[in-house]
Amino acid sequence: MPQPQFRFGSFTVDRARYRVLRGDQVLDLTPKLLDLLLHLLDHAGALVTKEQLLDALWPDANVTDNALAQAVSELRAALGDDAGTPQTKHRRRQGRW
């Protein structure tokens, strides 16, 4: 069963209320970005492939890798993560994220 709440850094992800907070402030995330974050948190510590993310986020759609890259980029920006000095783990080798 997925955890109802995650905490990392100054963030709290509340699955029941379907929202992310930084301290007391609710972040303005699209449902797709929140789904991406929840999927990554549900699989924390495991390698999640690009294909797994595409299947989880767009199960009945044929989307390009760019849609996923854009979603990851937007999520990182919303969380204040910088690709130059990332705090999130991002690995891209042989089609893996």
N, C-alpha and C. Protein backbone atom coordinates (compact mmCIF):
# COMPACT_ATOMS: atom_id res chain seq x y z
N MET A 1 0.84 -1.17 0.00
CA MET A 1 0.00 0.00 0.00
C MET A 1 0.89 1.25 0.00
N PRO A 2 0.62 2.20 -0.88
CA PRO A 2 1.44 3.41 -0.94
C PRO A 2 1.33 4.23 0.34
N GLN A 3 2.41 4.90 0.67
CA GLN A 3 2.42 5.76 1.85
C GLN A 3 1.47 6.94 1.63
N PRO A 4 0.72 7.33 2.66
CA PRO A 4 -0.20 8.46 2.51
C PRO A 4 0.52 9.80 2.47
N GLN A 5 1.75 9.85 3.02
CA GLN A 5 2.46 11.12 3.08
C GLN A 5 3.96 10.87 2.99
N PHE A 6 4.64 11.74 2.26
CA PHE A 6 6.10 11.70 2.15
C PHE A 6 6.64 13.03 2.62
N ARG A 7 7.82 12.99 3.24
CA ARG A 7 8.52 14.21 3.62
C ARG A 7 9.95 14.11 3.14
N PHE A 8 10.40 15.17 2.50
CA PHE A 8 11.80 15.26 2.10
C PHE A 8 12.18 16.73 2.06
N GLY A 9 13.34 17.04 2.63
CA GLY A 9 13.76 18.44 2.72
C GLY A 9 12.67 19.26 3.39
N SER A 10 12.30 20.35 2.76
CA SER A 10 11.24 21.21 3.30
C SER A 10 9.87 20.88 2.71
N PHE A 11 9.78 19.75 2.01
CA PHE A 11 8.55 19.39 1.30
C PHE A 11 7.76 18.30 2.01
N THR A 12 6.45 18.39 1.90
CA THR A 12 5.54 17.33 2.34
C THR A 12 4.62 17.03 1.16
N VAL A 13 4.55 15.77 0.79
CA VAL A 13 3.65 15.33 -0.26
C VAL A 13 2.50 14.60 0.41
N ASP A 14 1.31 15.14 0.26
CA ASP A 14 0.11 14.61 0.90
C ASP A 14 -0.75 13.94 -0.16
N ARG A 15 -0.68 12.60 -0.19
CA ARG A 15 -1.42 11.85 -1.20
C ARG A 15 -2.94 12.00 -1.01
N ALA A 16 -3.40 11.99 0.22
CA ALA A 16 -4.84 12.06 0.49
C ALA A 16 -5.44 13.38 -0.02
N ARG A 17 -4.69 14.46 0.14
CA ARG A 17 -5.18 15.76 -0.32
C ARG A 17 -4.66 16.11 -1.70
N TYR A 18 -3.84 15.22 -2.26
CA TYR A 18 -3.29 15.36 -3.61
C TYR A 18 -2.63 16.73 -3.78
N ARG A 19 -1.61 16.96 -2.92
CA ARG A 19 -0.92 18.24 -2.97
C ARG A 19 0.49 18.10 -2.41
N VAL A 20 1.30 19.11 -2.72
CA VAL A 20 2.68 19.19 -2.22
C VAL A 20 2.82 20.53 -1.53
N LEU A 21 3.42 20.49 -0.35
CA LEU A 21 3.65 21.71 0.40
C LEU A 21 5.15 21.93 0.59
N ARG A 22 5.55 23.18 0.53
CA ARG A 22 6.90 23.59 0.95
C ARG A 22 6.66 24.41 2.20
N GLY A 23 6.96 23.82 3.34
CA GLY A 23 6.58 24.44 4.61
C GLY A 23 5.07 24.46 4.70
N ASP A 24 4.49 25.65 4.79
CA ASP A 24 3.03 25.78 4.84
C ASP A 24 2.43 26.18 3.50
N GLN A 25 3.27 26.39 2.49
CA GLN A 25 2.80 26.86 1.19
C GLN A 25 2.52 25.69 0.25
N VAL A 26 1.32 25.68 -0.33
CA VAL A 26 0.95 24.66 -1.31
C VAL A 26 1.58 25.02 -2.65
N LEU A 27 2.29 24.07 -3.23
CA LEU A 27 2.89 24.30 -4.55
C LEU A 27 1.82 24.12 -5.63
N ASP A 28 1.94 24.91 -6.66
CA ASP A 28 1.01 24.85 -7.78
C ASP A 28 1.56 23.87 -8.82
N LEU A 29 1.22 22.59 -8.65
CA LEU A 29 1.67 21.55 -9.58
C LEU A 29 0.49 21.05 -10.39
N THR A 30 0.73 20.76 -11.65
CA THR A 30 -0.31 20.14 -12.47
C THR A 30 -0.51 18.71 -11.99
N PRO A 31 -1.66 18.12 -12.27
CA PRO A 31 -1.86 16.71 -11.89
C PRO A 31 -0.80 15.79 -12.47
N LYS A 32 -0.34 16.05 -13.69
CA LYS A 32 0.69 15.20 -14.31
C LYS A 32 1.99 15.28 -13.52
N LEU A 33 2.37 16.47 -13.08
CA LEU A 33 3.60 16.61 -12.30
C LEU A 33 3.47 15.95 -10.94
N LEU A 34 2.31 16.07 -10.33
CA LEU A 34 2.10 15.41 -9.05
C LEU A 34 2.11 13.90 -9.21
N ASP A 35 1.52 13.40 -10.28
CA ASP A 35 1.56 11.96 -10.55
C ASP A 35 3.00 11.48 -10.76
N LEU A 36 3.79 12.28 -11.47
CA LEU A 36 5.20 11.94 -11.68
C LEU A 36 5.93 11.86 -10.34
N LEU A 37 5.75 12.87 -9.52
CA LEU A 37 6.40 12.88 -8.21
C LEU A 37 5.97 11.69 -7.36
N LEU A 38 4.69 11.41 -7.32
CA LEU A 38 4.20 10.27 -6.53
C LEU A 38 4.76 8.96 -7.05
N HIS A 39 4.83 8.81 -8.36
CA HIS A 39 5.39 7.58 -8.92
C HIS A 39 6.85 7.42 -8.52
N LEU A 40 7.61 8.50 -8.60
CA LEU A 40 9.02 8.43 -8.23
C LEU A 40 9.18 8.15 -6.73
N LEU A 41 8.36 8.76 -5.91
CA LEU A 41 8.43 8.52 -4.47
C LEU A 41 8.02 7.09 -4.12
N ASP A 42 7.02 6.58 -4.82
CA ASP A 42 6.59 5.20 -4.59
C ASP A 42 7.68 4.19 -4.94
N HIS A 43 8.59 4.60 -5.82
CA HIS A 43 9.66 3.71 -6.27
C HIS A 43 11.04 4.22 -5.84
N ALA A 44 11.06 4.97 -4.75
CA ALA A 44 12.31 5.54 -4.25
C ALA A 44 13.33 4.43 -4.00
N GLY A 45 14.55 4.68 -4.43
CA GLY A 45 15.62 3.71 -4.25
C GLY A 45 15.74 2.71 -5.38
N ALA A 46 14.75 2.68 -6.27
CA ALA A 46 14.77 1.75 -7.40
C ALA A 46 15.03 2.53 -8.69
N LEU A 47 15.62 1.86 -9.64
CA LEU A 47 15.80 2.45 -10.95
C LEU A 47 14.46 2.41 -11.68
N VAL A 48 13.98 3.56 -12.10
CA VAL A 48 12.72 3.65 -12.83
C VAL A 48 13.07 3.98 -14.27
N THR A 49 12.66 3.12 -15.18
CA THR A 49 13.00 3.34 -16.58
C THR A 49 12.07 4.36 -17.21
N LYS A 50 12.54 4.89 -18.30
CA LYS A 50 11.75 5.84 -19.09
C LYS A 50 10.43 5.18 -19.50
N GLU A 51 10.50 3.94 -19.91
CA GLU A 51 9.30 3.22 -20.34
C GLU A 51 8.29 3.07 -19.20
N GLN A 52 8.79 2.79 -17.99
CA GLN A 52 7.90 2.68 -16.84
C GLN A 52 7.20 4.01 -16.55
N LEU A 53 7.94 5.09 -16.65
CA LEU A 53 7.34 6.40 -16.41
C LEU A 53 6.32 6.75 -17.49
N LEU A 54 6.65 6.48 -18.73
CA LEU A 54 5.71 6.75 -19.82
C LEU A 54 4.43 5.94 -19.64
N ASP A 55 4.58 4.66 -19.28
CA ASP A 55 3.40 3.81 -19.06
C ASP A 55 2.57 4.28 -17.88
N ALA A 56 3.23 4.75 -16.83
CA ALA A 56 2.51 5.19 -15.63
C ALA A 56 1.81 6.52 -15.85
N LEU A 57 2.45 7.44 -16.57
CA LEU A 57 1.90 8.78 -16.72
C LEU A 57 0.98 8.94 -17.92
N TRP A 58 1.27 8.21 -18.98
CA TRP A 58 0.46 8.30 -20.20
C TRP A 58 0.11 6.89 -20.66
N PRO A 59 -0.70 6.16 -19.89
CA PRO A 59 -0.93 4.73 -20.17
C PRO A 59 -1.60 4.45 -21.52
N ASP A 60 -2.43 5.33 -21.99
CA ASP A 60 -3.16 5.06 -23.23
C ASP A 60 -2.82 6.05 -24.33
N ALA A 61 -1.64 6.64 -24.23
CA ALA A 61 -1.25 7.64 -25.21
C ALA A 61 0.14 7.33 -25.75
N ASN A 62 0.34 7.73 -26.97
CA ASN A 62 1.65 7.58 -27.59
C ASN A 62 2.32 8.95 -27.54
N VAL A 63 3.21 9.12 -26.58
CA VAL A 63 3.89 10.40 -26.41
C VAL A 63 5.39 10.22 -26.64
N THR A 64 6.04 11.31 -26.94
CA THR A 64 7.47 11.26 -27.19
C THR A 64 8.25 11.35 -25.88
N ASP A 65 9.52 11.02 -25.98
CA ASP A 65 10.42 11.14 -24.83
C ASP A 65 10.48 12.59 -24.36
N ASN A 66 10.26 13.51 -25.29
CA ASN A 66 10.31 14.93 -24.94
C ASN A 66 9.24 15.29 -23.91
N ALA A 67 8.07 14.68 -23.99
CA ALA A 67 7.00 14.96 -23.02
C ALA A 67 7.46 14.59 -21.61
N LEU A 68 8.14 13.47 -21.48
CA LEU A 68 8.65 13.06 -20.18
C LEU A 68 9.78 13.98 -19.73
N ALA A 69 10.69 14.29 -20.63
CA ALA A 69 11.80 15.19 -20.28
C ALA A 69 11.26 16.54 -19.82
N GLN A 70 10.24 17.03 -20.49
CA GLN A 70 9.63 18.30 -20.12
C GLN A 70 8.99 18.22 -18.73
N ALA A 71 8.28 17.12 -18.46
CA ALA A 71 7.64 16.93 -17.16
C ALA A 71 8.68 16.87 -16.04
N VAL A 72 9.76 16.14 -16.28
CA VAL A 72 10.83 16.05 -15.27
C VAL A 72 11.44 17.42 -15.04
N SER A 73 11.68 18.15 -16.11
CA SER A 73 12.25 19.48 -16.00
C SER A 73 11.33 20.42 -15.22
N GLU A 74 10.04 20.38 -15.50
CA GLU A 74 9.07 21.22 -14.79
C GLU A 74 8.97 20.85 -13.31
N LEU A 75 9.01 19.55 -13.03
CA LEU A 75 8.95 19.12 -11.64
C LEU A 75 10.19 19.57 -10.88
N ARG A 76 11.35 19.41 -11.48
CA ARG A 76 12.59 19.85 -10.83
C ARG A 76 12.55 21.34 -10.56
N ALA A 77 12.06 22.12 -11.52
CA ALA A 77 11.96 23.57 -11.35
C ALA A 77 11.00 23.91 -10.21
N ALA A 78 9.87 23.22 -10.15
CA ALA A 78 8.88 23.48 -9.10
C ALA A 78 9.43 23.16 -7.72
N LEU A 79 10.33 22.19 -7.65
CA LEU A 79 10.93 21.80 -6.38
C LEU A 79 12.21 22.58 -6.08
N GLY A 80 12.57 23.48 -7.00
CA GLY A 80 13.76 24.29 -6.78
C GLY A 80 15.05 23.54 -7.03
N ASP A 81 15.00 22.48 -7.81
CA ASP A 81 16.18 21.69 -8.12
C ASP A 81 16.83 22.24 -9.39
N ASP A 82 18.14 22.25 -9.43
CA ASP A 82 18.89 22.79 -10.55
C ASP A 82 19.65 21.65 -11.22
N ALA A 83 19.50 21.52 -12.52
CA ALA A 83 20.18 20.45 -13.24
C ALA A 83 21.70 20.57 -13.13
N GLY A 84 22.20 21.80 -12.96
CA GLY A 84 23.64 22.01 -12.83
C GLY A 84 24.19 21.47 -11.52
N THR A 85 23.42 21.61 -10.45
CA THR A 85 23.80 21.08 -9.14
C THR A 85 22.58 20.36 -8.56
N PRO A 86 22.25 19.21 -9.13
CA PRO A 86 21.01 18.53 -8.75
C PRO A 86 21.03 17.98 -7.33
N GLN A 87 19.87 18.06 -6.71
CA GLN A 87 19.66 17.41 -5.43
C GLN A 87 18.86 16.13 -5.63
N THR A 88 18.18 16.05 -6.76
CA THR A 88 17.46 14.83 -7.11
C THR A 88 18.39 13.93 -7.90
N LYS A 89 18.13 12.65 -7.85
CA LYS A 89 18.95 11.71 -8.59
C LYS A 89 18.33 11.52 -9.96
N HIS A 90 19.14 11.71 -10.97
CA HIS A 90 18.66 11.60 -12.34
C HIS A 90 19.74 10.88 -13.13
N ARG A 91 19.42 9.71 -13.58
CA ARG A 91 20.38 8.94 -14.37
C ARG A 91 19.76 8.65 -15.72
N ARG A 92 20.52 8.89 -16.72
CA ARG A 92 20.02 8.61 -18.06
C ARG A 92 21.07 7.83 -18.80
N ARG A 93 20.90 6.53 -18.78
CA ARG A 93 21.81 5.63 -19.48
C ARG A 93 21.00 4.59 -20.22
N GLN A 94 21.27 4.42 -21.45
CA GLN A 94 20.62 3.40 -22.27
C GLN A 94 19.10 3.45 -22.08
N GLY A 95 18.53 4.63 -22.27
CA GLY A 95 17.08 4.76 -22.21
C GLY A 95 16.51 4.74 -20.82
N ARG A 96 17.34 4.89 -19.79
CA ARG A 96 16.84 4.88 -18.41
C ARG A 96 16.92 6.28 -17.82
N TRP A 97 15.99 6.59 -16.96
CA TRP A 97 15.94 7.91 -16.31
C TRP A 97 16.30 7.76 -14.86
